Amino acid sequence: MLDSMKKILITTANGMFGRAVVTELLKKDVTLRLMVRDRNKCAIHDPKAEIVTADLDHPETLDAVMTGVDSVFLSSPMDPRLAEREITLVNMAKQSGVKQITRIYGTVGHEGDILESQHLKVRDVIKESGIPQIMVSPGSVLETSLSSMKESIKYMRAIYGISGLGKVCMVALKDIAEVTALLMTSYGHEGKNYELSGPEAMDLYEVAARFTRTLGKKIIYVNLSEDQFARMLMKFDKTLTRERLEVEVLCHLRAWGKGNASLVTDTIEKLLGRKATPIEGFITENRDLFKKGMIPGFMAALMRKMVFLFALPFMLPFVP
């Protein structure tokens, strides 16, 4: 434990990374300040965790939040305003004398797209601030990558995507959080970038095969063009826009298709002394998420045909 570290601020503590990191840090000898926009949505209640309300879109709410903070875990939702939000916090951290920033970055190669350009802006601002930085760079996260497939698996026994034979190496959220908590509470990590991955890379045809073996039900992968996939998602979720789809979905699956998400590392094993969580382990642990309520095979085939008929009318007539 760092001798000078008295209080750690967790930004977006209600978010995926924030919640997971808090869970692991509460096992350590630290005091936490959890930053949320809505305290009623914060499910964490612990004497070591102070809950404060603030909003990165409103810098005036951050003054009190930063007071007395020694270290910051910085993560914010994928959004076109990501860089603006995080840079605001970095500037406040510098003014408040924060001694360390630990930030979620990533190993997926986005080749200068909108998401990568925003992350690079924040990285450069932190470097210019002089605040020591630890970068935690996971590959695509198992929970978000696979959980988003649950509806199509239950009702169509299919996974839809655009990445073809491109391979992706997914990493479990718990593994990421456990590593992050270790890095934030031990010496010698500042200025380093820790690349985290699962144990192997595979394309979505193989992911479907792993679902088939683990669930005991045949799951197929259906590869679409980018435009077809976008139209299908927007057909079933009227709140989606092309801008949101680009930042939240398409840029990631495009990178998978190029093979830019296939990096495999042994960082988790070296730091934690155990193997990274395999994809089968996640599916088994969350079997009900995918299998409970699964419709019969003949109905799933009919549902797939309905998708092609109503959501993708310009597809070829063959439907697997």
C-alpha atoms as a PDB file:
ATOM      1  CA  MET A   1       0.000   0.000   0.000  1.00  0.00           C
ATOM      2  CA  LEU A   2       1.356   3.440  -0.892  1.00  0.00           C
ATOM      3  CA  ASP A   3       2.226   5.285   2.303  1.00  0.00           C
ATOM      4  CA  SER A   4       1.026   8.654   0.992  1.00  0.00           C
ATOM      5  CA  MET A   5      -2.248   7.392  -0.422  1.00  0.00           C
ATOM      6  CA  LYS A   6      -5.075   8.469   1.854  1.00  0.00           C
ATOM      7  CA  LYS A   7      -8.082   8.688  -0.418  1.00  0.00           C
ATOM      8  CA  ILE A   8      -8.864   7.287  -3.879  1.00  0.00           C
ATOM      9  CA  LEU A   9     -11.484   8.908  -6.106  1.00  0.00           C
ATOM     10  CA  ILE A  10     -13.419   6.566  -8.392  1.00  0.00           C
ATOM     11  CA  THR A  11     -15.014   8.449 -11.276  1.00  0.00           C
ATOM     12  CA  THR A  12     -18.310   7.122 -12.688  1.00  0.00           C
ATOM     13  CA  ALA A  13     -18.531   4.710  -9.761  1.00  0.00           C
ATOM     14  CA  ASN A  14     -21.890   3.483 -11.094  1.00  0.00           C
ATOM     15  CA  GLY A  15     -20.248   2.476 -14.373  1.00  0.00           C
ATOM     16  CA  MET A  16     -19.029  -0.950 -15.405  1.00  0.00           C
ATOM     17  CA  PHE A  17     -15.347  -0.404 -14.644  1.00  0.00           C
ATOM     18  CA  GLY A  18     -15.995   1.839 -11.643  1.00  0.00           C
ATOM     19  CA  ARG A  19     -18.214  -0.666  -9.810  1.00  0.00           C
ATOM     20  CA  ALA A  20     -15.839  -3.545 -10.452  1.00  0.00           C
ATOM     21  CA  VAL A  21     -12.751  -1.625  -9.304  1.00  0.00           C
ATOM     22  CA  VAL A  22     -14.538  -0.427  -6.163  1.00  0.00           C
ATOM     23  CA  THR A  23     -15.426  -4.017  -5.279  1.00  0.00           C
ATOM     24  CA  GLU A  24     -11.754  -5.019  -5.460  1.00  0.00           C
ATOM     25  CA  LEU A  25     -10.388  -1.906  -3.732  1.00  0.00           C
ATOM     26  CA  LEU A  26     -12.714  -2.425  -0.761  1.00  0.00           C
ATOM     27  CA  LYS A  27     -10.668  -5.563  -0.055  1.00  0.00           C
ATOM     28  CA  LYS A  28      -7.604  -3.318   0.402  1.00  0.00           C
ATOM     29  CA  ASP A  29      -6.617  -0.935   3.183  1.00  0.00           C
ATOM     30  CA  VAL A  30      -7.866   2.219   1.438  1.00  0.00           C
ATOM     31  CA  THR A  31     -10.500   4.917   1.769  1.00  0.00           C
ATOM     32  CA  LEU A  32     -12.654   5.550  -1.292  1.00  0.00           C
ATOM     33  CA  ARG A  33     -14.666   8.453  -2.609  1.00  0.00           C
ATOM     34  CA  LEU A  34     -17.261   7.309  -5.145  1.00  0.00           C
ATOM     35  CA  MET A  35     -18.314   9.914  -7.693  1.00  0.00           C
ATOM     36  CA  VAL A  36     -21.813   9.387  -9.124  1.00  0.00           C
ATOM     37  CA  ARG A  37     -24.433  11.526 -10.797  1.00  0.00           C
ATOM     38  CA  ASP A  38     -27.299   9.763  -9.034  1.00  0.00           C
ATOM     39  CA  ARG A  39     -26.567   8.394  -5.559  1.00  0.00           C
ATOM     40  CA  ASN A  40     -29.831   6.424  -5.630  1.00  0.00           C
ATOM     41  CA  LYS A  41     -28.302   4.190  -8.304  1.00  0.00           C
ATOM     42  CA  CYS A  42     -25.204   3.441  -6.230  1.00  0.00           C
ATOM     43  CA  ALA A  43     -25.535  -0.058  -4.798  1.00  0.00           C
ATOM     44  CA  ILE A  44     -22.260   0.087  -2.863  1.00  0.00           C
ATOM     45  CA  HIS A  45     -22.560   0.888   0.827  1.00  0.00           C
ATOM     46  CA  ASP A  46     -19.427   0.510   2.919  1.00  0.00           C
ATOM     47  CA  PRO A  47     -17.887   2.557   5.758  1.00  0.00           C
ATOM     48  CA  LYS A  48     -14.728   2.953   3.659  1.00  0.00           C
ATOM     49  CA  ALA A  49     -16.637   4.377   0.673  1.00  0.00           C
ATOM     50  CA  GLU A  50     -17.901   7.973   0.713  1.00  0.00           C
ATOM     51  CA  ILE A  51     -20.514   8.675  -1.969  1.00  0.00           C
ATOM     52  CA  VAL A  52     -20.460  12.118  -3.615  1.00  0.00           C
ATOM     53  CA  THR A  53     -22.534  13.517  -6.470  1.00  0.00           C
ATOM     54  CA  ALA A  54     -20.869  15.307  -9.366  1.00  0.00           C
ATOM     55  CA  ASP A  55     -21.053  15.501 -13.142  1.00  0.00           C
ATOM     56  CA  LEU A  56     -18.127  15.710 -15.569  1.00  0.00           C
ATOM     57  CA  ASP A  57     -20.339  17.839 -17.831  1.00  0.00           C
ATOM     58  CA  HIS A  58     -20.536  20.420 -15.029  1.00  0.00           C
ATOM     59  CA  PRO A  59     -17.000  21.300 -13.822  1.00  0.00           C
ATOM     60  CA  GLU A  60     -18.342  23.463 -11.002  1.00  0.00           C
ATOM     61  CA  THR A  61     -19.516  20.283  -9.247  1.00  0.00           C
ATOM     62  CA  LEU A  62     -15.985  18.866  -9.076  1.00  0.00           C
ATOM     63  CA  ASP A  63     -14.303  21.251  -6.599  1.00  0.00           C
ATOM     64  CA  ALA A  64     -15.508  19.525  -3.443  1.00  0.00           C
ATOM     65  CA  VAL A  65     -15.068  16.098  -5.002  1.00  0.00           C
ATOM     66  CA  MET A  66     -11.326  16.613  -5.595  1.00  0.00           C
ATOM     67  CA  THR A  67     -10.516  17.993  -2.132  1.00  0.00           C
ATOM     68  CA  GLY A  68      -8.176  15.712  -0.213  1.00  0.00           C
ATOM     69  CA  VAL A  69      -7.884  13.144  -3.008  1.00  0.00           C
ATOM     70  CA  ASP A  70      -4.486  11.492  -3.502  1.00  0.00           C
ATOM     71  CA  SER A  71      -5.245   9.111  -6.369  1.00  0.00           C
ATOM     72  CA  VAL A  72      -7.871   8.952  -9.123  1.00  0.00           C
ATOM     73  CA  PHE A  73      -9.276   6.030 -11.076  1.00  0.00           C
ATOM     74  CA  LEU A  74     -10.407   7.642 -14.333  1.00  0.00           C
ATOM     75  CA  SER A  75     -12.965   5.972 -16.553  1.00  0.00           C
ATOM     76  CA  SER A  76     -15.981   7.361 -18.377  1.00  0.00           C
ATOM     77  CA  PRO A  77     -18.593   5.956 -20.779  1.00  0.00           C
ATOM     78  CA  MET A  78     -17.871   5.664 -24.492  1.00  0.00           C
ATOM     79  CA  ASP A  79     -19.301   8.899 -25.806  1.00  0.00           C
ATOM     80  CA  PRO A  80     -18.383  11.607 -28.364  1.00  0.00           C
ATOM     81  CA  ARG A  81     -17.638  13.866 -25.338  1.00  0.00           C
ATOM     82  CA  LEU A  82     -15.249  11.417 -23.649  1.00  0.00           C
ATOM     83  CA  ALA A  83     -12.111  13.526 -24.131  1.00  0.00           C
ATOM     84  CA  GLU A  84     -13.795  16.757 -23.043  1.00  0.00           C
ATOM     85  CA  ARG A  85     -15.111  15.148 -19.875  1.00  0.00           C
ATOM     86  CA  GLU A  86     -11.903  13.410 -18.850  1.00  0.00           C
ATOM     87  CA  ILE A  87      -9.684  16.415 -19.609  1.00  0.00           C
ATOM     88  CA  THR A  88     -11.899  18.508 -17.327  1.00  0.00           C
ATOM     89  CA  LEU A  89     -11.218  16.103 -14.492  1.00  0.00           C
ATOM     90  CA  VAL A  90      -7.468  15.936 -15.229  1.00  0.00           C
ATOM     91  CA  ASN A  91      -7.242  19.725 -15.013  1.00  0.00           C
ATOM     92  CA  MET A  92      -9.087  19.725 -11.707  1.00  0.00           C
ATOM     93  CA  ALA A  93      -6.832  16.941 -10.444  1.00  0.00           C
ATOM     94  CA  LYS A  94      -3.739  19.006 -11.226  1.00  0.00           C
ATOM     95  CA  GLN A  95      -5.144  22.020  -9.378  1.00  0.00           C
ATOM     96  CA  SER A  96      -5.973  19.832  -6.377  1.00  0.00           C
ATOM     97  CA  GLY A  97      -2.526  18.237  -6.127  1.00  0.00           C
ATOM     98  CA  VAL A  98      -3.550  14.685  -7.036  1.00  0.00           C
ATOM     99  CA  LYS A  99      -0.495  12.410  -6.948  1.00  0.00           C
ATOM    100  CA  GLN A 100      -1.562   9.630  -9.321  1.00  0.00           C
ATOM    101  CA  ILE A 101      -4.074   8.863 -12.078  1.00  0.00           C
ATOM    102  CA  THR A 102      -4.925   5.304 -13.096  1.00  0.00           C
ATOM    103  CA  ARG A 103      -6.782   5.251 -16.379  1.00  0.00           C
ATOM    104  CA  ILE A 104      -8.555   2.679 -18.527  1.00  0.00           C
ATOM    105  CA  TYR A 105      -7.219   2.706 -22.087  1.00  0.00           C
ATOM    106  CA  GLY A 106      -7.222  -0.459 -24.238  1.00  0.00           C
ATOM    107  CA  THR A 107      -5.320  -2.795 -26.539  1.00  0.00           C
ATOM    108  CA  VAL A 108      -7.781  -2.825 -29.449  1.00  0.00           C
ATOM    109  CA  GLY A 109      -6.274  -0.992 -32.427  1.00  0.00           C
ATOM    110  CA  HIS A 110      -8.777   1.593 -33.630  1.00  0.00           C
ATOM    111  CA  GLU A 111      -6.477   3.132 -36.254  1.00  0.00           C
ATOM    112  CA  GLY A 112      -7.238   6.769 -35.537  1.00  0.00           C
ATOM    113  CA  ASP A 113     -11.026   6.521 -35.352  1.00  0.00           C
ATOM    114  CA  ILE A 114     -13.101   8.857 -33.181  1.00  0.00           C
ATOM    115  CA  LEU A 115     -12.718   6.758 -30.029  1.00  0.00           C
ATOM    116  CA  GLU A 116      -8.939   6.374 -30.272  1.00  0.00           C
ATOM    117  CA  SER A 117      -8.419  10.051 -31.070  1.00  0.00           C
ATOM    118  CA  GLN A 118     -10.277  11.017 -27.894  1.00  0.00           C
ATOM    119  CA  HIS A 119      -8.316   8.586 -25.729  1.00  0.00           C
ATOM    120  CA  LEU A 120      -5.031   9.927 -27.144  1.00  0.00           C
ATOM    121  CA  LYS A 121      -6.035  13.499 -26.355  1.00  0.00           C
ATOM    122  CA  VAL A 122      -6.613  12.565 -22.717  1.00  0.00           C
ATOM    123  CA  ARG A 123      -3.346  10.625 -22.538  1.00  0.00           C
ATOM    124  CA  ASP A 124      -1.421  13.641 -23.794  1.00  0.00           C
ATOM    125  CA  VAL A 125      -3.117  16.043 -21.385  1.00  0.00           C
ATOM    126  CA  ILE A 126      -2.271  13.789 -18.432  1.00  0.00           C
ATOM    127  CA  LYS A 127       1.343  13.620 -19.610  1.00  0.00           C
ATOM    128  CA  GLU A 128       1.506  17.410 -19.880  1.00  0.00           C
ATOM    129  CA  SER A 129      -0.030  17.797 -16.416  1.00  0.00           C
ATOM    130  CA  GLY A 130       2.918  16.046 -14.803  1.00  0.00           C
ATOM    131  CA  ILE A 131       0.655  13.752 -12.772  1.00  0.00           C
ATOM    132  CA  PRO A 132       2.116  10.210 -12.706  1.00  0.00           C
ATOM    133  CA  GLN A 133      -0.104   7.891 -14.737  1.00  0.00           C
ATOM    134  CA  ILE A 134      -0.790   4.161 -14.726  1.00  0.00           C
ATOM    135  CA  MET A 135      -2.541   2.863 -17.848  1.00  0.00           C
ATOM    136  CA  VAL A 136      -4.685  -0.263 -17.673  1.00  0.00           C
ATOM    137  CA  SER A 137      -5.319  -1.499 -21.203  1.00  0.00           C
ATOM    138  CA  PRO A 138      -7.736  -4.414 -21.500  1.00  0.00           C
ATOM    139  CA  GLY A 139      -8.815  -6.047 -24.711  1.00  0.00           C
ATOM    140  CA  SER A 140     -12.518  -6.308 -25.483  1.00  0.00           C
ATOM    141  CA  VAL A 141     -14.396  -7.036 -22.248  1.00  0.00           C
ATOM    142  CA  LEU A 142     -16.164 -10.404 -21.977  1.00  0.00           C
ATOM    143  CA  GLU A 143     -19.145  -8.971 -20.102  1.00  0.00           C
ATOM    144  CA  THR A 144     -20.006  -6.277 -22.646  1.00  0.00           C
ATOM    145  CA  SER A 145     -18.989  -8.277 -25.714  1.00  0.00           C
ATOM    146  CA  LEU A 146     -20.950 -11.422 -24.872  1.00  0.00           C
ATOM    147  CA  SER A 147     -23.833 -10.094 -22.758  1.00  0.00           C
ATOM    148  CA  SER A 148     -24.929  -7.960 -25.705  1.00  0.00           C
ATOM    149  CA  MET A 149     -25.538 -11.228 -27.595  1.00  0.00           C
ATOM    150  CA  LYS A 150     -27.981 -12.684 -25.078  1.00  0.00           C
ATOM    151  CA  GLU A 151     -31.220 -11.722 -26.859  1.00  0.00           C
ATOM    152  CA  SER A 152     -30.163 -13.051 -30.256  1.00  0.00           C
ATOM    153  CA  ILE A 153     -28.881 -16.250 -28.636  1.00  0.00           C
ATOM    154  CA  LYS A 154     -32.115 -16.800 -26.682  1.00  0.00           C
ATOM    155  CA  TYR A 155     -34.543 -15.982 -29.457  1.00  0.00           C
ATOM    156  CA  MET A 156     -32.629 -16.729 -32.666  1.00  0.00           C
ATOM    157  CA  ARG A 157     -29.874 -19.065 -31.469  1.00  0.00           C
ATOM    158  CA  ALA A 158     -27.537 -16.830 -33.407  1.00  0.00           C
ATOM    159  CA  ILE A 159     -24.805 -14.249 -33.019  1.00  0.00           C
ATOM    160  CA  TYR A 160     -24.796 -11.361 -35.507  1.00  0.00           C
ATOM    161  CA  GLY A 161     -21.753  -9.290 -36.368  1.00  0.00           C
ATOM    162  CA  ILE A 162     -19.539  -7.730 -39.033  1.00  0.00           C
ATOM    163  CA  SER A 163     -16.094  -9.057 -38.141  1.00  0.00           C
ATOM    164  CA  GLY A 164     -15.930 -12.138 -40.368  1.00  0.00           C
ATOM    165  CA  LEU A 165     -12.836 -14.216 -39.615  1.00  0.00           C
ATOM    166  CA  GLY A 166     -11.186 -11.470 -37.591  1.00  0.00           C
ATOM    167  CA  LYS A 167     -10.057 -12.716 -34.188  1.00  0.00           C
ATOM    168  CA  VAL A 168     -10.726 -11.111 -30.814  1.00  0.00           C
ATOM    169  CA  CYS A 169      -9.225 -11.921 -27.419  1.00  0.00           C
ATOM    170  CA  MET A 170     -11.758 -11.070 -24.698  1.00  0.00           C
ATOM    171  CA  VAL A 171     -10.891 -10.426 -21.050  1.00  0.00           C
ATOM    172  CA  ALA A 172     -13.109 -10.746 -17.968  1.00  0.00           C
ATOM    173  CA  LEU A 173     -14.105  -7.614 -16.063  1.00  0.00           C
ATOM    174  CA  LYS A 174     -13.198  -9.170 -12.712  1.00  0.00           C
ATOM    175  CA  ASP A 175      -9.664  -9.859 -13.971  1.00  0.00           C
ATOM    176  CA  ILE A 176      -9.331  -6.230 -15.094  1.00  0.00           C
ATOM    177  CA  ALA A 177     -10.622  -4.900 -11.782  1.00  0.00           C
ATOM    178  CA  GLU A 178      -8.411  -7.170  -9.690  1.00  0.00           C
ATOM    179  CA  VAL A 179      -5.305  -6.074 -11.609  1.00  0.00           C
ATOM    180  CA  THR A 180      -6.312  -2.408 -11.364  1.00  0.00           C
ATOM    181  CA  ALA A 181      -6.756  -2.592  -7.593  1.00  0.00           C
ATOM    182  CA  LEU A 182      -3.341  -4.232  -7.261  1.00  0.00           C
ATOM    183  CA  LEU A 183      -1.632  -1.587  -9.398  1.00  0.00           C
ATOM    184  CA  MET A 184      -3.245   1.274  -7.479  1.00  0.00           C
ATOM    185  CA  THR A 185      -2.167  -0.041  -4.091  1.00  0.00           C
ATOM    186  CA  SER A 186       1.415  -1.129  -4.746  1.00  0.00           C
ATOM    187  CA  TYR A 187       4.689   0.442  -5.876  1.00  0.00           C
ATOM    188  CA  GLY A 188       6.498   0.654  -9.188  1.00  0.00           C
ATOM    189  CA  HIS A 189       3.695   0.971 -11.735  1.00  0.00           C
ATOM    190  CA  GLU A 190       3.654   4.673 -12.622  1.00  0.00           C
ATOM    191  CA  GLY A 191       4.467   5.436 -16.242  1.00  0.00           C
ATOM    192  CA  LYS A 192       3.637   1.895 -17.358  1.00  0.00           C
ATOM    193  CA  ASN A 193       0.916   0.521 -19.621  1.00  0.00           C
ATOM    194  CA  TYR A 194      -0.451  -2.888 -18.589  1.00  0.00           C
ATOM    195  CA  GLU A 195      -2.039  -4.765 -21.492  1.00  0.00           C
ATOM    196  CA  LEU A 196      -4.608  -7.304 -20.301  1.00  0.00           C
ATOM    197  CA  SER A 197      -6.185 -10.133 -22.272  1.00  0.00           C
ATOM    198  CA  GLY A 198      -7.938 -13.444 -21.960  1.00  0.00           C
ATOM    199  CA  PRO A 199      -6.119 -16.716 -22.676  1.00  0.00           C
ATOM    200  CA  GLU A 200      -6.815 -16.963 -26.439  1.00  0.00           C
ATOM    201  CA  ALA A 201      -8.065 -15.127 -29.505  1.00  0.00           C
ATOM    202  CA  MET A 202     -10.880 -16.475 -31.717  1.00  0.00           C
ATOM    203  CA  ASP A 203     -13.274 -15.318 -34.427  1.00  0.00           C
ATOM    204  CA  LEU A 204     -17.019 -15.151 -33.851  1.00  0.00           C
ATOM    205  CA  TYR A 205     -17.584 -18.453 -35.629  1.00  0.00           C
ATOM    206  CA  GLU A 206     -15.497 -20.046 -32.881  1.00  0.00           C
ATOM    207  CA  VAL A 207     -17.277 -17.965 -30.221  1.00  0.00           C
ATOM    208  CA  ALA A 208     -20.558 -19.428 -31.491  1.00  0.00           C
ATOM    209  CA  ALA A 209     -19.012 -22.903 -31.300  1.00  0.00           C
ATOM    210  CA  ARG A 210     -17.987 -22.286 -27.670  1.00  0.00           C
ATOM    211  CA  PHE A 211     -21.555 -21.252 -26.882  1.00  0.00           C
ATOM    212  CA  THR A 212     -22.802 -24.421 -28.605  1.00  0.00           C
ATOM    213  CA  ARG A 213     -20.542 -26.677 -26.546  1.00  0.00           C
ATOM    214  CA  THR A 214     -21.116 -24.898 -23.252  1.00  0.00           C
ATOM    215  CA  LEU A 215     -24.895 -24.430 -23.529  1.00  0.00           C
ATOM    216  CA  GLY A 216     -25.586 -27.722 -25.299  1.00  0.00           C
ATOM    217  CA  LYS A 217     -27.606 -25.875 -27.970  1.00  0.00           C
ATOM    218  CA  LYS A 218     -26.549 -25.125 -31.544  1.00  0.00           C
ATOM    219  CA  ILE A 219     -25.614 -21.448 -31.901  1.00  0.00           C
ATOM    220  CA  ILE A 220     -24.567 -20.035 -35.294  1.00  0.00           C
ATOM    221  CA  TYR A 221     -22.723 -16.886 -36.333  1.00  0.00           C
ATOM    222  CA  VAL A 222     -24.253 -14.729 -39.072  1.00  0.00           C
ATOM    223  CA  ASN A 223     -21.842 -12.261 -40.681  1.00  0.00           C
ATOM    224  CA  LEU A 224     -23.404  -9.072 -42.065  1.00  0.00           C
ATOM    225  CA  SER A 225     -22.146  -6.006 -43.846  1.00  0.00           C
ATOM    226  CA  GLU A 226     -21.654  -2.946 -41.662  1.00  0.00           C
ATOM    227  CA  ASP A 227     -24.684  -1.216 -43.135  1.00  0.00           C
ATOM    228  CA  GLN A 228     -26.904  -4.276 -42.703  1.00  0.00           C
ATOM    229  CA  PHE A 229     -25.812  -4.690 -39.105  1.00  0.00           C
ATOM    230  CA  ALA A 230     -26.411  -1.015 -38.309  1.00  0.00           C
ATOM    231  CA  ARG A 231     -29.883  -1.092 -39.893  1.00  0.00           C
ATOM    232  CA  MET A 232     -30.760  -4.232 -37.941  1.00  0.00           C
ATOM    233  CA  LEU A 233     -29.740  -2.698 -34.596  1.00  0.00           C
ATOM    234  CA  MET A 234     -31.550   0.570 -35.303  1.00  0.00           C
ATOM    235  CA  LYS A 235     -34.654  -1.363 -36.371  1.00  0.00           C
ATOM    236  CA  PHE A 236     -34.892  -2.997 -32.948  1.00  0.00           C
ATOM    237  CA  ASP A 237     -33.694  -0.039 -30.840  1.00  0.00           C
ATOM    238  CA  LYS A 238     -35.270   3.231 -31.933  1.00  0.00           C
ATOM    239  CA  THR A 239     -33.072   5.246 -29.532  1.00  0.00           C
ATOM    240  CA  LEU A 240     -29.902   4.407 -31.446  1.00  0.00           C
ATOM    241  CA  THR A 241     -28.295   6.914 -33.802  1.00  0.00           C
ATOM    242  CA  ARG A 242     -25.457   6.309 -36.259  1.00  0.00           C
ATOM    243  CA  GLU A 243     -23.179   8.454 -34.088  1.00  0.00           C
ATOM    244  CA  ARG A 244     -23.875   6.342 -31.006  1.00  0.00           C
ATOM    245  CA  LEU A 245     -23.519   3.136 -32.993  1.00  0.00           C
ATOM    246  CA  GLU A 246     -20.148   4.267 -34.310  1.00  0.00           C
ATOM    247  CA  VAL A 247     -18.678   4.980 -30.855  1.00  0.00           C
ATOM    248  CA  GLU A 248     -20.399   2.221 -28.888  1.00  0.00           C
ATOM    249  CA  VAL A 249     -20.469  -0.680 -31.362  1.00  0.00           C
ATOM    250  CA  LEU A 250     -19.218  -0.343 -34.934  1.00  0.00           C
ATOM    251  CA  CYS A 251     -15.699   0.936 -34.275  1.00  0.00           C
ATOM    252  CA  HIS A 252     -15.058  -2.038 -32.003  1.00  0.00           C
ATOM    253  CA  LEU A 253     -16.427  -4.725 -34.333  1.00  0.00           C
ATOM    254  CA  ARG A 254     -14.630  -3.095 -37.273  1.00  0.00           C
ATOM    255  CA  ALA A 255     -11.373  -3.452 -35.329  1.00  0.00           C
ATOM    256  CA  TRP A 256     -12.205  -7.118 -34.615  1.00  0.00           C
ATOM    257  CA  GLY A 257     -12.644  -7.727 -38.335  1.00  0.00           C
ATOM    258  CA  LYS A 258      -9.200  -6.281 -39.072  1.00  0.00           C
ATOM    259  CA  GLY A 259      -7.584  -8.507 -36.472  1.00  0.00           C
ATOM    260  CA  ASN A 260      -6.791  -5.495 -34.299  1.00  0.00           C
ATOM    261  CA  ALA A 261      -8.283  -7.032 -31.159  1.00  0.00           C
ATOM    262  CA  SER A 262      -6.378 -10.318 -31.176  1.00  0.00           C
ATOM    263  CA  LEU A 263      -3.497  -9.481 -28.821  1.00  0.00           C
ATOM    264  CA  VAL A 264      -2.851 -12.205 -26.231  1.00  0.00           C
ATOM    265  CA  THR A 265      -0.707 -11.388 -23.185  1.00  0.00           C
ATOM    266  CA  ASP A 266       0.259 -13.164 -19.971  1.00  0.00           C
ATOM    267  CA  THR A 267       0.039  -9.986 -17.866  1.00  0.00           C
ATOM    268  CA  ILE A 268      -2.854 -11.223 -15.729  1.00  0.00           C
ATOM    269  CA  GLU A 269      -1.063 -14.458 -14.895  1.00  0.00           C
ATOM    270  CA  LYS A 270       2.149 -12.613 -14.015  1.00  0.00           C
ATOM    271  CA  LEU A 271       0.411 -10.104 -11.745  1.00  0.00           C
ATOM    272  CA  LEU A 272      -2.259 -12.277 -10.143  1.00  0.00           C
ATOM    273  CA  GLY A 273      -0.552 -15.664 -10.176  1.00  0.00           C
ATOM    274  CA  ARG A 274      -3.468 -17.362 -11.952  1.00  0.00           C
ATOM    275  CA  LYS A 275      -4.755 -17.847 -15.476  1.00  0.00           C
ATOM    276  CA  ALA A 276      -7.033 -15.300 -17.097  1.00  0.00           C
ATOM    277  CA  THR A 277     -10.728 -16.275 -17.233  1.00  0.00           C
ATOM    278  CA  PRO A 278     -11.568 -18.278 -20.399  1.00  0.00           C
ATOM    279  CA  ILE A 279     -14.681 -17.612 -22.446  1.00  0.00           C
ATOM    280  CA  GLU A 280     -16.198 -20.975 -21.415  1.00  0.00           C
ATOM    281  CA  GLY A 281     -15.805 -19.992 -17.772  1.00  0.00           C
ATOM    282  CA  PHE A 282     -17.806 -16.833 -18.323  1.00  0.00           C
ATOM    283  CA  ILE A 283     -20.562 -18.611 -20.279  1.00  0.00           C
ATOM    284  CA  THR A 284     -20.828 -21.349 -17.656  1.00  0.00           C
ATOM    285  CA  GLU A 285     -20.992 -18.836 -14.814  1.00  0.00           C
ATOM    286  CA  ASN A 286     -23.707 -16.913 -16.659  1.00  0.00           C
ATOM    287  CA  ARG A 287     -25.544 -19.863 -18.205  1.00  0.00           C
ATOM    288  CA  ASP A 288     -29.006 -18.594 -17.206  1.00  0.00           C
ATOM    289  CA  LEU A 289     -28.315 -15.230 -18.852  1.00  0.00           C
ATOM    290  CA  PHE A 290     -28.117 -16.962 -22.222  1.00  0.00           C
ATOM    291  CA  LYS A 291     -30.162 -20.132 -21.816  1.00  0.00           C
ATOM    292  CA  LYS A 292     -33.073 -19.274 -19.515  1.00  0.00           C
ATOM    293  CA  GLY A 293     -36.107 -18.640 -21.689  1.00  0.00           C
ATOM    294  CA  MET A 294     -34.401 -19.911 -24.860  1.00  0.00           C
ATOM    295  CA  ILE A 295     -37.036 -20.767 -27.453  1.00  0.00           C
ATOM    296  CA  PRO A 296     -37.131 -24.103 -29.371  1.00  0.00           C
ATOM    297  CA  GLY A 297     -34.869 -24.511 -32.380  1.00  0.00           C
ATOM    298  CA  PHE A 298     -37.624 -24.403 -35.032  1.00  0.00           C
ATOM    299  CA  MET A 299     -38.965 -21.154 -33.569  1.00  0.00           C
ATOM    300  CA  ALA A 300     -35.445 -19.671 -33.486  1.00  0.00           C
ATOM    301  CA  ALA A 301     -35.030 -20.484 -37.194  1.00  0.00           C
ATOM    302  CA  LEU A 302     -38.344 -18.739 -37.899  1.00  0.00           C
ATOM    303  CA  MET A 303     -37.200 -15.708 -35.906  1.00  0.00           C
ATOM    304  CA  ARG A 304     -34.008 -15.528 -37.976  1.00  0.00           C
ATOM    305  CA  LYS A 305     -36.077 -15.525 -41.148  1.00  0.00           C
ATOM    306  CA  MET A 306     -38.282 -12.766 -39.736  1.00  0.00           C
ATOM    307  CA  VAL A 307     -35.215 -10.627 -39.021  1.00  0.00           C
ATOM    308  CA  PHE A 308     -34.035 -10.970 -42.595  1.00  0.00           C
ATOM    309  CA  LEU A 309     -37.515 -10.297 -43.949  1.00  0.00           C
ATOM    310  CA  PHE A 310     -38.351  -7.179 -41.918  1.00  0.00           C
ATOM    311  CA  ALA A 311     -35.038  -5.744 -40.709  1.00  0.00           C
ATOM    312  CA  LEU A 312     -32.800  -6.704 -43.632  1.00  0.00           C
ATOM    313  CA  PRO A 313     -35.037  -6.751 -46.720  1.00  0.00           C
ATOM    314  CA  PHE A 314     -32.123  -6.405 -49.149  1.00  0.00           C
ATOM    315  CA  MET A 315     -30.302  -9.520 -47.945  1.00  0.00           C
ATOM    316  CA  LEU A 316     -29.975 -12.587 -50.158  1.00  0.00           C
ATOM    317  CA  PRO A 317     -32.921 -14.976 -49.640  1.00  0.00           C
ATOM    318  CA  PHE A 318     -30.774 -17.750 -48.077  1.00  0.00           C
ATOM    319  CA  VAL A 319     -31.121 -17.796 -44.321  1.00  0.00           C
ATOM    320  CA  PRO A 320     -29.192 -20.353 -42.211  1.00  0.00           C
END
